[in-house]
C-alpha atoms as a PDB file:
ATOM      1  CA  MET A   1     -30.103   6.905 -13.653  1.00  0.00           C
ATOM      2  CA  THR A   2     -32.541   4.518 -15.251  1.00  0.00           C
ATOM      3  CA  CYS A   3     -35.121   2.269 -13.621  1.00  0.00           C
ATOM      4  CA  CYS A   4     -32.920  -0.799 -14.120  1.00  0.00           C
ATOM      5  CA  PHE A   5     -30.246   0.786 -11.933  1.00  0.00           C
ATOM      6  CA  ALA A   6     -32.859   1.525  -9.278  1.00  0.00           C
ATOM      7  CA  LYS A   7     -33.943  -2.133  -9.271  1.00  0.00           C
ATOM      8  CA  PHE A   8     -30.348  -3.278  -9.074  1.00  0.00           C
ATOM      9  CA  ALA A   9     -29.622  -0.860  -6.211  1.00  0.00           C
ATOM     10  CA  ARG A  10     -32.592  -2.205  -4.228  1.00  0.00           C
ATOM     11  CA  LEU A  11     -31.318  -5.758  -4.763  1.00  0.00           C
ATOM     12  CA  ALA A  12     -27.815  -4.790  -3.627  1.00  0.00           C
ATOM     13  CA  ILE A  13     -29.199  -3.107  -0.500  1.00  0.00           C
ATOM     14  CA  ALA A  14     -31.271  -6.188   0.336  1.00  0.00           C
ATOM     15  CA  VAL A  15     -28.249  -8.473  -0.061  1.00  0.00           C
ATOM     16  CA  ALA A  16     -26.101  -6.165   2.040  1.00  0.00           C
ATOM     17  CA  SER A  17     -28.746  -6.154   4.773  1.00  0.00           C
ATOM     18  CA  VAL A  18     -28.628  -9.951   4.945  1.00  0.00           C
ATOM     19  CA  VAL A  19     -24.840  -9.903   5.002  1.00  0.00           C
ATOM     20  CA  LEU A  20     -24.593  -7.246   7.718  1.00  0.00           C
ATOM     21  CA  THR A  21     -26.938  -8.980  10.132  1.00  0.00           C
ATOM     22  CA  SER A  22     -25.694 -12.543   9.872  1.00  0.00           C
ATOM     23  CA  GLY A  23     -22.806 -13.112  12.292  1.00  0.00           C
ATOM     24  CA  ARG A  24     -19.127 -12.472  13.004  1.00  0.00           C
ATOM     25  CA  ALA A  25     -16.905 -10.895  10.379  1.00  0.00           C
ATOM     26  CA  LEU A  26     -13.443 -11.941   9.299  1.00  0.00           C
ATOM     27  CA  ALA A  27     -11.998 -11.125   5.905  1.00  0.00           C
ATOM     28  CA  GLN A  28     -10.610 -14.172   4.092  1.00  0.00           C
ATOM     29  CA  GLU A  29      -9.398 -12.513   0.906  1.00  0.00           C
ATOM     30  CA  GLY A  30      -7.609  -9.168   0.594  1.00  0.00           C
ATOM     31  CA  TYR A  31      -8.050  -8.943  -3.182  1.00  0.00           C
ATOM     32  CA  PHE A  32     -10.762  -8.856  -5.819  1.00  0.00           C
ATOM     33  CA  VAL A  33      -9.105 -10.933  -8.575  1.00  0.00           C
ATOM     34  CA  THR A  34      -5.987 -12.476  -7.025  1.00  0.00           C
ATOM     35  CA  TYR A  35      -6.302 -15.439  -4.622  1.00  0.00           C
ATOM     36  CA  SER A  36      -4.023 -16.024  -1.650  1.00  0.00           C
ATOM     37  CA  HIS A  37      -3.620 -19.297   0.271  1.00  0.00           C
ATOM     38  CA  GLN A  38      -6.105 -18.210   2.949  1.00  0.00           C
ATOM     39  CA  MET A  39      -8.949 -20.722   3.244  1.00  0.00           C
ATOM     40  CA  GLU A  40     -12.297 -20.534   4.978  1.00  0.00           C
ATOM     41  CA  GLU A  41     -12.180 -22.232   8.378  1.00  0.00           C
ATOM     42  CA  PRO A  42     -14.094 -25.562   8.535  1.00  0.00           C
ATOM     43  CA  GLY A  43     -17.770 -25.011   9.302  1.00  0.00           C
ATOM     44  CA  ASN A  44     -17.696 -21.275   8.592  1.00  0.00           C
ATOM     45  CA  LEU A  45     -19.715 -19.566   5.875  1.00  0.00           C
ATOM     46  CA  GLU A  46     -18.629 -16.300   4.279  1.00  0.00           C
ATOM     47  CA  ILE A  47     -21.131 -14.213   2.330  1.00  0.00           C
ATOM     48  CA  ALA A  48     -19.727 -11.511   0.061  1.00  0.00           C
ATOM     49  CA  VAL A  49     -20.782  -9.138  -2.668  1.00  0.00           C
ATOM     50  CA  LYS A  50     -18.192  -8.133  -5.275  1.00  0.00           C
ATOM     51  CA  SER A  51     -19.282  -5.287  -7.531  1.00  0.00           C
ATOM     52  CA  LEU A  52     -17.748  -3.610 -10.560  1.00  0.00           C
ATOM     53  CA  THR A  53     -18.855  -0.508 -12.440  1.00  0.00           C
ATOM     54  CA  ALA A  54     -17.490   1.173 -15.554  1.00  0.00           C
ATOM     55  CA  SER A  55     -18.522   3.521 -18.376  1.00  0.00           C
ATOM     56  CA  PRO A  56     -17.075   2.007 -21.573  1.00  0.00           C
ATOM     57  CA  GLU A  57     -16.544   4.340 -24.504  1.00  0.00           C
ATOM     58  CA  GLY A  58     -19.171   3.580 -27.133  1.00  0.00           C
ATOM     59  CA  ALA A  59     -21.403   1.635 -24.749  1.00  0.00           C
ATOM     60  CA  ASN A  60     -23.699   2.216 -21.786  1.00  0.00           C
ATOM     61  CA  ALA A  61     -22.506   2.387 -18.180  1.00  0.00           C
ATOM     62  CA  PHE A  62     -23.087  -0.762 -16.147  1.00  0.00           C
ATOM     63  CA  VAL A  63     -22.900  -2.253 -12.668  1.00  0.00           C
ATOM     64  CA  ALA A  64     -22.016  -5.943 -12.356  1.00  0.00           C
ATOM     65  CA  ASN A  65     -22.358  -7.987  -9.163  1.00  0.00           C
ATOM     66  CA  ALA A  66     -21.129 -11.380  -8.001  1.00  0.00           C
ATOM     67  CA  LEU A  67     -22.871 -12.693  -4.874  1.00  0.00           C
ATOM     68  CA  GLU A  68     -20.534 -15.217  -3.219  1.00  0.00           C
ATOM     69  CA  PHE A  69     -21.159 -17.996  -0.695  1.00  0.00           C
ATOM     70  CA  GLU A  70     -17.949 -19.650   0.551  1.00  0.00           C
ATOM     71  CA  TYR A  71     -18.055 -22.624   2.914  1.00  0.00           C
ATOM     72  CA  GLY A  72     -15.131 -24.211   4.722  1.00  0.00           C
ATOM     73  CA  ALA A  73     -15.750 -27.915   4.081  1.00  0.00           C
ATOM     74  CA  LYS A  74     -12.402 -29.129   5.452  1.00  0.00           C
ATOM     75  CA  THR A  75      -9.170 -27.590   6.634  1.00  0.00           C
ATOM     76  CA  TRP A  76      -7.771 -28.266   3.161  1.00  0.00           C
ATOM     77  CA  TRP A  77     -10.925 -27.635   1.100  1.00  0.00           C
ATOM     78  CA  SER A  78     -13.119 -24.574   0.555  1.00  0.00           C
ATOM     79  CA  SER A  79     -16.104 -24.539  -1.805  1.00  0.00           C
ATOM     80  CA  GLU A  80     -17.821 -21.454  -3.228  1.00  0.00           C
ATOM     81  CA  VAL A  81     -20.854 -20.603  -5.325  1.00  0.00           C
ATOM     82  CA  TYR A  82     -21.134 -17.320  -7.212  1.00  0.00           C
ATOM     83  CA  LEU A  83     -24.388 -15.879  -8.547  1.00  0.00           C
ATOM     84  CA  ASP A  84     -23.659 -13.226 -11.181  1.00  0.00           C
ATOM     85  CA  GLY A  85     -25.817 -10.428 -12.531  1.00  0.00           C
ATOM     86  CA  GLN A  86     -25.514  -7.021 -14.094  1.00  0.00           C
ATOM     87  CA  SER A  87     -27.490  -3.901 -14.892  1.00  0.00           C
ATOM     88  CA  THR A  88     -26.739  -1.744 -17.937  1.00  0.00           C
ATOM     89  CA  SER A  89     -28.128   1.759 -18.269  1.00  0.00           C
ATOM     90  CA  GLY A  90     -30.707   2.039 -21.042  1.00  0.00           C
ATOM     91  CA  GLU A  91     -30.783  -1.744 -21.574  1.00  0.00           C
ATOM     92  CA  SER A  92     -31.817  -4.172 -18.819  1.00  0.00           C
ATOM     93  CA  THR A  93     -30.995  -5.918 -15.562  1.00  0.00           C
ATOM     94  CA  LEU A  94     -30.353  -9.634 -15.869  1.00  0.00           C
ATOM     95  CA  PHE A  95     -28.987 -12.716 -14.160  1.00  0.00           C
ATOM     96  CA  THR A  96     -25.896 -13.835 -16.078  1.00  0.00           C
ATOM     97  CA  GLY A  97     -25.194 -17.238 -14.525  1.00  0.00           C
ATOM     98  CA  PHE A  98     -23.407 -19.094 -11.754  1.00  0.00           C
ATOM     99  CA  ARG A  99     -19.930 -20.364 -10.912  1.00  0.00           C
ATOM    100  CA  TRP A 100     -18.963 -23.290  -8.682  1.00  0.00           C
ATOM    101  CA  GLU A 101     -15.445 -23.040  -7.336  1.00  0.00           C
ATOM    102  CA  ASN A 102     -13.342 -25.411  -5.230  1.00  0.00           C
ATOM    103  CA  ARG A 103      -9.926 -24.769  -3.719  1.00  0.00           C
ATOM    104  CA  PHE A 104      -7.621 -27.436  -2.311  1.00  0.00           C
ATOM    105  CA  ARG A 105      -4.584 -26.781  -0.131  1.00  0.00           C
ATOM    106  CA  PRO A 106      -2.212 -29.778  -0.173  1.00  0.00           C
ATOM    107  CA  LEU A 107       0.190 -28.382   2.467  1.00  0.00           C
ATOM    108  CA  LEU A 108      -1.623 -27.379   5.657  1.00  0.00           C
ATOM    109  CA  ARG A 109       1.289 -25.907   7.596  1.00  0.00           C
ATOM    110  CA  GLU A 110       2.661 -22.480   6.731  1.00  0.00           C
ATOM    111  CA  HIS A 111       5.575 -22.653   4.276  1.00  0.00           C
ATOM    112  CA  TRP A 112       7.726 -20.147   2.444  1.00  0.00           C
ATOM    113  CA  ILE A 113       5.510 -20.748  -0.599  1.00  0.00           C
ATOM    114  CA  ASN A 114       2.004 -22.095  -0.021  1.00  0.00           C
ATOM    115  CA  PRO A 115       0.399 -23.746  -3.078  1.00  0.00           C
ATOM    116  CA  VAL A 116      -3.364 -24.031  -3.615  1.00  0.00           C
ATOM    117  CA  LEU A 117      -5.132 -25.843  -6.466  1.00  0.00           C
ATOM    118  CA  TYR A 118      -8.276 -24.243  -7.864  1.00  0.00           C
ATOM    119  CA  VAL A 119     -10.998 -25.810 -10.030  1.00  0.00           C
ATOM    120  CA  GLU A 120     -14.109 -23.971 -11.252  1.00  0.00           C
ATOM    121  CA  PHE A 121     -17.106 -24.650 -13.482  1.00  0.00           C
ATOM    122  CA  GLU A 122     -18.850 -21.639 -15.010  1.00  0.00           C
ATOM    123  CA  ASP A 123     -22.342 -21.587 -16.502  1.00  0.00           C
ATOM    124  CA  ILE A 124     -22.634 -17.953 -17.557  1.00  0.00           C
ATOM    125  CA  ASN A 125     -23.462 -15.947 -20.648  1.00  0.00           C
ATOM    126  CA  SER A 126     -21.492 -13.407 -22.640  1.00  0.00           C
ATOM    127  CA  ALA A 127     -23.317 -10.489 -20.951  1.00  0.00           C
ATOM    128  CA  ASP A 128     -21.502 -11.288 -17.691  1.00  0.00           C
ATOM    129  CA  LYS A 129     -19.292  -8.330 -16.726  1.00  0.00           C
ATOM    130  CA  ALA A 130     -18.166  -9.247 -13.212  1.00  0.00           C
ATOM    131  CA  LEU A 131     -14.607  -9.662 -14.568  1.00  0.00           C
ATOM    132  CA  LEU A 132     -13.435 -11.982 -11.809  1.00  0.00           C
ATOM    133  CA  GLU A 133     -10.454 -12.812 -14.011  1.00  0.00           C
ATOM    134  CA  VAL A 134      -8.942 -11.773 -17.356  1.00  0.00           C
ATOM    135  CA  VAL A 135      -7.782 -14.516 -19.748  1.00  0.00           C
ATOM    136  CA  GLY A 136      -6.905 -15.007 -23.371  1.00  0.00           C
ATOM    137  CA  HIS A 137      -7.667 -12.037 -25.580  1.00  0.00           C
ATOM    138  CA  ASP A 138     -10.325 -10.501 -23.331  1.00  0.00           C
ATOM    139  CA  THR A 139     -10.234  -6.791 -24.163  1.00  0.00           C
ATOM    140  CA  ARG A 140     -12.333  -3.679 -23.611  1.00  0.00           C
ATOM    141  CA  ASP A 141     -14.526  -4.790 -26.552  1.00  0.00           C
ATOM    142  CA  ALA A 142     -16.153  -7.365 -24.247  1.00  0.00           C
ATOM    143  CA  PHE A 143     -17.921  -4.489 -22.476  1.00  0.00           C
ATOM    144  CA  LEU A 144     -19.576  -3.348 -25.716  1.00  0.00           C
ATOM    145  CA  GLU A 145     -21.917  -6.325 -26.098  1.00  0.00           C
ATOM    146  CA  ARG A 146     -25.572  -5.494 -25.512  1.00  0.00           C
ATOM    147  CA  ASN A 147     -27.663  -7.456 -23.036  1.00  0.00           C
ATOM    148  CA  ASP A 148     -30.131  -8.586 -25.704  1.00  0.00           C
ATOM    149  CA  ARG A 149     -27.394 -10.240 -27.783  1.00  0.00           C
ATOM    150  CA  HIS A 150     -25.776 -12.511 -25.247  1.00  0.00           C
ATOM    151  CA  GLU A 151     -24.978 -16.175 -25.771  1.00  0.00           C
ATOM    152  CA  LYS A 152     -24.507 -19.091 -23.379  1.00  0.00           C
ATOM    153  CA  LYS A 153     -21.023 -20.111 -22.230  1.00  0.00           C
ATOM    154  CA  ARG A 154     -19.952 -23.150 -20.203  1.00  0.00           C
ATOM    155  CA  GLU A 155     -16.327 -23.076 -19.152  1.00  0.00           C
ATOM    156  CA  ALA A 156     -13.829 -24.895 -16.958  1.00  0.00           C
ATOM    157  CA  GLU A 157     -11.140 -22.933 -15.161  1.00  0.00           C
ATOM    158  CA  LEU A 158      -7.963 -24.072 -13.421  1.00  0.00           C
ATOM    159  CA  LYS A 159      -5.608 -22.004 -11.287  1.00  0.00           C
ATOM    160  CA  LEU A 160      -2.314 -22.580  -9.565  1.00  0.00           C
ATOM    161  CA  ILE A 161      -2.190 -20.254  -6.562  1.00  0.00           C
ATOM    162  CA  LEU A 162       1.162 -19.524  -4.912  1.00  0.00           C
ATOM    163  CA  SER A 163       1.167 -17.363  -1.805  1.00  0.00           C
ATOM    164  CA  THR A 164       3.654 -16.197   0.818  1.00  0.00           C
ATOM    165  CA  ASN A 165       3.309 -14.335   4.124  1.00  0.00           C
ATOM    166  CA  VAL A 166       6.472 -12.506   5.177  1.00  0.00           C
ATOM    167  CA  LYS A 167       6.853  -9.754   7.798  1.00  0.00           C
ATOM    168  CA  GLY A 168       3.169  -8.881   7.609  1.00  0.00           C
ATOM    169  CA  TRP A 169       3.064  -8.798   3.815  1.00  0.00           C
ATOM    170  CA  ASN A 170       1.097 -11.203   1.665  1.00  0.00           C
ATOM    171  CA  ILE A 171       2.498 -11.832  -1.806  1.00  0.00           C
ATOM    172  CA  SER A 172       0.350 -13.955  -4.137  1.00  0.00           C
ATOM    173  CA  GLU A 173       0.743 -15.180  -7.708  1.00  0.00           C
ATOM    174  CA  ASN A 174      -1.971 -16.907  -9.763  1.00  0.00           C
ATOM    175  CA  VAL A 175      -1.571 -18.719 -13.074  1.00  0.00           C
ATOM    176  CA  ILE A 176      -4.908 -19.214 -14.860  1.00  0.00           C
ATOM    177  CA  ALA A 177      -6.030 -21.631 -17.583  1.00  0.00           C
ATOM    178  CA  GLU A 178      -9.604 -21.516 -18.895  1.00  0.00           C
ATOM    179  CA  LYS A 179     -11.412 -23.505 -21.584  1.00  0.00           C
ATOM    180  CA  ASN A 180     -14.797 -23.077 -23.194  1.00  0.00           C
ATOM    181  CA  LEU A 181     -16.319 -26.571 -23.177  1.00  0.00           C
ATOM    182  CA  ALA A 182     -17.808 -26.005 -26.635  1.00  0.00           C
ATOM    183  CA  GLY A 183     -14.374 -26.794 -28.071  1.00  0.00           C
ATOM    184  CA  GLU A 184     -12.449 -23.519 -28.122  1.00  0.00           C
ATOM    185  CA  PRO A 185      -8.712 -23.576 -27.223  1.00  0.00           C
ATOM    186  CA  TRP A 186      -7.330 -23.118 -23.727  1.00  0.00           C
ATOM    187  CA  GLU A 187      -6.901 -19.471 -22.719  1.00  0.00           C
ATOM    188  CA  PHE A 188      -4.390 -18.208 -20.187  1.00  0.00           C
ATOM    189  CA  GLY A 189      -4.053 -15.349 -17.742  1.00  0.00           C
ATOM    190  CA  TYR A 190      -2.345 -14.220 -14.558  1.00  0.00           C
ATOM    191  CA  ALA A 191      -2.977 -12.252 -11.371  1.00  0.00           C
ATOM    192  CA  LEU A 192      -0.426 -10.840  -8.924  1.00  0.00           C
ATOM    193  CA  GLY A 193      -1.204  -9.299  -5.545  1.00  0.00           C
ATOM    194  CA  VAL A 194       0.552  -7.762  -2.555  1.00  0.00           C
ATOM    195  CA  SER A 195      -1.098  -6.438   0.609  1.00  0.00           C
ATOM    196  CA  ARG A 196      -0.366  -5.597   4.235  1.00  0.00           C
ATOM    197  CA  PRO A 197      -2.255  -4.384   7.326  1.00  0.00           C
ATOM    198  CA  LEU A 198      -1.320  -0.828   8.308  1.00  0.00           C
ATOM    199  CA  ALA A 199      -0.310  -2.148  11.734  1.00  0.00           C
ATOM    200  CA  LEU A 200       0.710  -5.622  12.897  1.00  0.00           C
ATOM    201  CA  LEU A 201       0.263  -5.090  16.635  1.00  0.00           C
ATOM    202  CA  VAL A 202      -3.271  -5.077  18.018  1.00  0.00           C
ATOM    203  CA  SER A 203      -4.243  -2.025  20.068  1.00  0.00           C
ATOM    204  CA  SER A 204      -4.811  -2.550  23.791  1.00  0.00           C
ATOM    205  CA  SER A 205      -8.281  -0.974  23.496  1.00  0.00           C
ATOM    206  CA  GLN A 206     -10.834  -1.948  20.877  1.00  0.00           C
ATOM    207  CA  CYS A 207     -11.543   0.727  18.296  1.00  0.00           C
ATOM    208  CA  THR A 208     -13.230   0.850  14.921  1.00  0.00           C
ATOM    209  CA  PHE A 209     -10.585   2.769  13.008  1.00  0.00           C
ATOM    210  CA  CYS A 210      -7.444   1.251  14.541  1.00  0.00           C
ATOM    211  CA  ARG A 211      -4.661   0.797  12.012  1.00  0.00           C
ATOM    212  CA  GLU A 212      -4.710  -2.999  12.394  1.00  0.00           C
ATOM    213  CA  ASN A 213      -8.267  -2.979  10.978  1.00  0.00           C
ATOM    214  CA  LEU A 214      -7.090  -1.273   7.787  1.00  0.00           C
ATOM    215  CA  SER A 215      -5.034  -2.850   5.029  1.00  0.00           C
ATOM    216  CA  ALA A 216      -3.671  -1.627   1.728  1.00  0.00           C
ATOM    217  CA  GLY A 217      -2.159  -3.248  -1.312  1.00  0.00           C
ATOM    218  CA  ALA A 218      -2.376  -3.636  -5.050  1.00  0.00           C
ATOM    219  CA  GLU A 219      -2.988  -6.292  -7.676  1.00  0.00           C
ATOM    220  CA  MET A 220      -2.118  -6.609 -11.344  1.00  0.00           C
ATOM    221  CA  TYR A 221      -3.919  -8.968 -13.714  1.00  0.00           C
ATOM    222  CA  GLY A 222      -4.328  -9.629 -17.418  1.00  0.00           C
ATOM    223  CA  GLY A 223      -4.490 -12.092 -20.287  1.00  0.00           C
ATOM    224  CA  LEU A 224      -1.733 -14.244 -21.763  1.00  0.00           C
ATOM    225  CA  GLY A 225      -3.362 -15.285 -25.034  1.00  0.00           C
ATOM    226  CA  ASP A 226      -4.400 -18.828 -25.884  1.00  0.00           C
ATOM    227  CA  ARG A 227      -2.887 -22.134 -26.976  1.00  0.00           C
ATOM    228  CA  HIS A 228      -2.403 -20.903 -30.545  1.00  0.00           C
ATOM    229  CA  SER A 229      -1.121 -17.410 -29.699  1.00  0.00           C
ATOM    230  CA  PHE A 230       0.408 -17.411 -26.225  1.00  0.00           C
ATOM    231  CA  GLY A 231       1.832 -14.091 -25.077  1.00  0.00           C
ATOM    232  CA  LEU A 232       0.962 -10.438 -24.571  1.00  0.00           C
ATOM    233  CA  HIS A 233      -0.177  -9.598 -28.111  1.00  0.00           C
ATOM    234  CA  GLU A 234      -3.785  -8.305 -28.247  1.00  0.00           C
ATOM    235  CA  THR A 235      -4.312  -8.732 -24.491  1.00  0.00           C
ATOM    236  CA  SER A 236      -5.506  -6.408 -21.741  1.00  0.00           C
ATOM    237  CA  HIS A 237      -3.861  -5.656 -18.391  1.00  0.00           C
ATOM    238  CA  TYR A 238      -4.864  -3.770 -15.246  1.00  0.00           C
ATOM    239  CA  LEU A 239      -3.173  -2.329 -12.164  1.00  0.00           C
ATOM    240  CA  ALA A 240      -5.440  -1.795  -9.153  1.00  0.00           C
ATOM    241  CA  PRO A 241      -4.622  -0.416  -5.688  1.00  0.00           C
ATOM    242  CA  ILE A 242      -6.842  -1.817  -2.910  1.00  0.00           C
ATOM    243  CA  VAL A 243      -7.904  -0.583   0.499  1.00  0.00           C
ATOM    244  CA  ALA A 244      -9.853  -2.706   2.989  1.00  0.00           C
ATOM    245  CA  TRP A 245     -11.465  -1.903   6.325  1.00  0.00           C
ATOM    246  CA  ARG A 246     -12.517  -4.622   8.764  1.00  0.00           C
ATOM    247  CA  VAL A 247     -15.099  -3.442  11.273  1.00  0.00           C
ATOM    248  CA  PRO A 248     -14.572  -5.247  14.608  1.00  0.00           C
ATOM    249  CA  GLY A 249     -17.542  -7.567  15.074  1.00  0.00           C
ATOM    250  CA  GLY A 250     -18.883  -6.449  11.703  1.00  0.00           C
ATOM    251  CA  PRO A 251     -18.270  -6.697   7.966  1.00  0.00           C
ATOM    252  CA  THR A 252     -15.195  -6.011   5.867  1.00  0.00           C
ATOM    253  CA  PHE A 253     -15.383  -3.359   3.159  1.00  0.00           C
ATOM    254  CA  LYS A 254     -13.061  -3.168   0.144  1.00  0.00           C
ATOM    255  CA  PHE A 255     -12.548  -0.612  -2.608  1.00  0.00           C
ATOM    256  CA  SER A 256     -10.295  -0.736  -5.645  1.00  0.00           C
ATOM    257  CA  PRO A 257      -9.928   1.506  -8.716  1.00  0.00           C
ATOM    258  CA  GLY A 258      -8.425  -0.445 -11.622  1.00  0.00           C
ATOM    259  CA  PHE A 259      -6.427   1.342 -14.319  1.00  0.00           C
ATOM    260  CA  GLY A 260      -5.997  -0.097 -17.797  1.00  0.00           C
ATOM    261  CA  LEU A 261      -2.339  -0.395 -18.818  1.00  0.00           C
ATOM    262  CA  ASN A 262      -2.739  -0.490 -22.600  1.00  0.00           C
ATOM    263  CA  ASP A 263      -5.166   0.451 -25.366  1.00  0.00           C
ATOM    264  CA  LYS A 264      -6.851  -2.973 -25.188  1.00  0.00           C
ATOM    265  CA  SER A 265      -7.947  -2.340 -21.592  1.00  0.00           C
ATOM    266  CA  GLN A 266     -10.875  -0.405 -20.190  1.00  0.00           C
ATOM    267  CA  PRO A 267      -9.324   2.868 -18.895  1.00  0.00           C
ATOM    268  CA  LEU A 268     -11.021   2.741 -15.479  1.00  0.00           C
ATOM    269  CA  LEU A 269     -12.781   0.039 -13.466  1.00  0.00           C
ATOM    270  CA  LEU A 270     -14.226   0.708 -10.028  1.00  0.00           C
ATOM    271  CA  ARG A 271     -14.624  -2.267  -7.696  1.00  0.00           C
ATOM    272  CA  PHE A 272     -16.238  -2.330  -4.284  1.00  0.00           C
ATOM    273  CA  GLY A 273     -17.197  -5.171  -2.004  1.00  0.00           C
ATOM    274  CA  VAL A 274     -18.467  -6.224   1.390  1.00  0.00           C
ATOM    275  CA  SER A 275     -17.963  -9.577   3.102  1.00  0.00           C
ATOM    276  CA  TYR A 276     -19.193 -11.178   6.313  1.00  0.00           C
ATOM    277  CA  GLU A 277     -18.352 -14.461   7.973  1.00  0.00           C
ATOM    278  CA  ILE A 278     -20.749 -16.615   9.998  1.00  0.00           C
ATOM    279  CA  SER A 279     -18.804 -18.954  12.254  1.00  0.00           C
ATOM    280  CA  GLN A 280     -19.890 -22.600  12.608  1.00  0.00           C
ATOM    281  CA  ILE A 281     -23.145 -22.097  10.739  1.00  0.00           C
ATOM    282  CA  ALA A 282     -24.060 -25.803  10.689  1.00  0.00           C
ATOM    283  CA  SER A 283     -23.867 -26.020  14.484  1.00  0.00           C
ATOM    284  CA  LYS A 284     -26.002 -22.902  14.857  1.00  0.00           C
ATOM    285  CA  LEU A 285     -28.658 -24.279  12.513  1.00  0.00           C
ATOM    286  CA  ARG A 286     -28.769 -27.611  14.393  1.00  0.00           C
ATOM    287  CA  ARG A 287     -29.277 -25.831  17.716  1.00  0.00           C
ATOM    288  CA  ARG A 288     -32.277 -24.033  16.258  1.00  0.00           C
END
């Protein structure tokens, strides 16, 4: 393991330490790529780290991180900032940019289908490998680019999120449209997710490994081409089972191996994450 990985590991440990000592935990999202209709409660701040690692054929192994801060501004509005970075063995560790995301829920009561509108601005570079979505003709070749050859990208992203809770299951569908503001055509993608706690009834006694604290599911995501070539041709697709463990009074941990479904996809992606929620952070800061 090279020195750049050691530096990146120390940074990840420092971030995790901040996350683990900050407040009360409650997982808001059960997926890595797919979004459900769950929103951050007003006044609450969730801090999360989403990490991805892979060893692309013909390129160096890497670890990519997205440090996320999500704030519940209103019952119908959540706002998030992502800070992205990555470390590639034998190359370098670098900051790859930021993302500003906003989600709006027009229907506040629970319905059979719950729509959410998503708007994001990205100021990243081509060395970013967090892979928070797959659009257009993104393929495994994107992982081959060296850190010293990256270029700046500014993009706008829109999503229509449809989500349903039924008998303990969450079923979510995302339709994605993304455009490079330099003038390139709109690119499209999708994400589908399903998840469920292992138990719906809460145990009478508190325990760390109770089944209600564990959930399992899967998501599938991939590209749908662009405005000039919409469809599945020359696109990549992934299927990823997910397990999550919510520690009572502590953080939530997630792990997901992603398997490429065609020859345009990276054969294996490993994702892991930790999230922590601080309730009513503004009130706590005012009291201090």
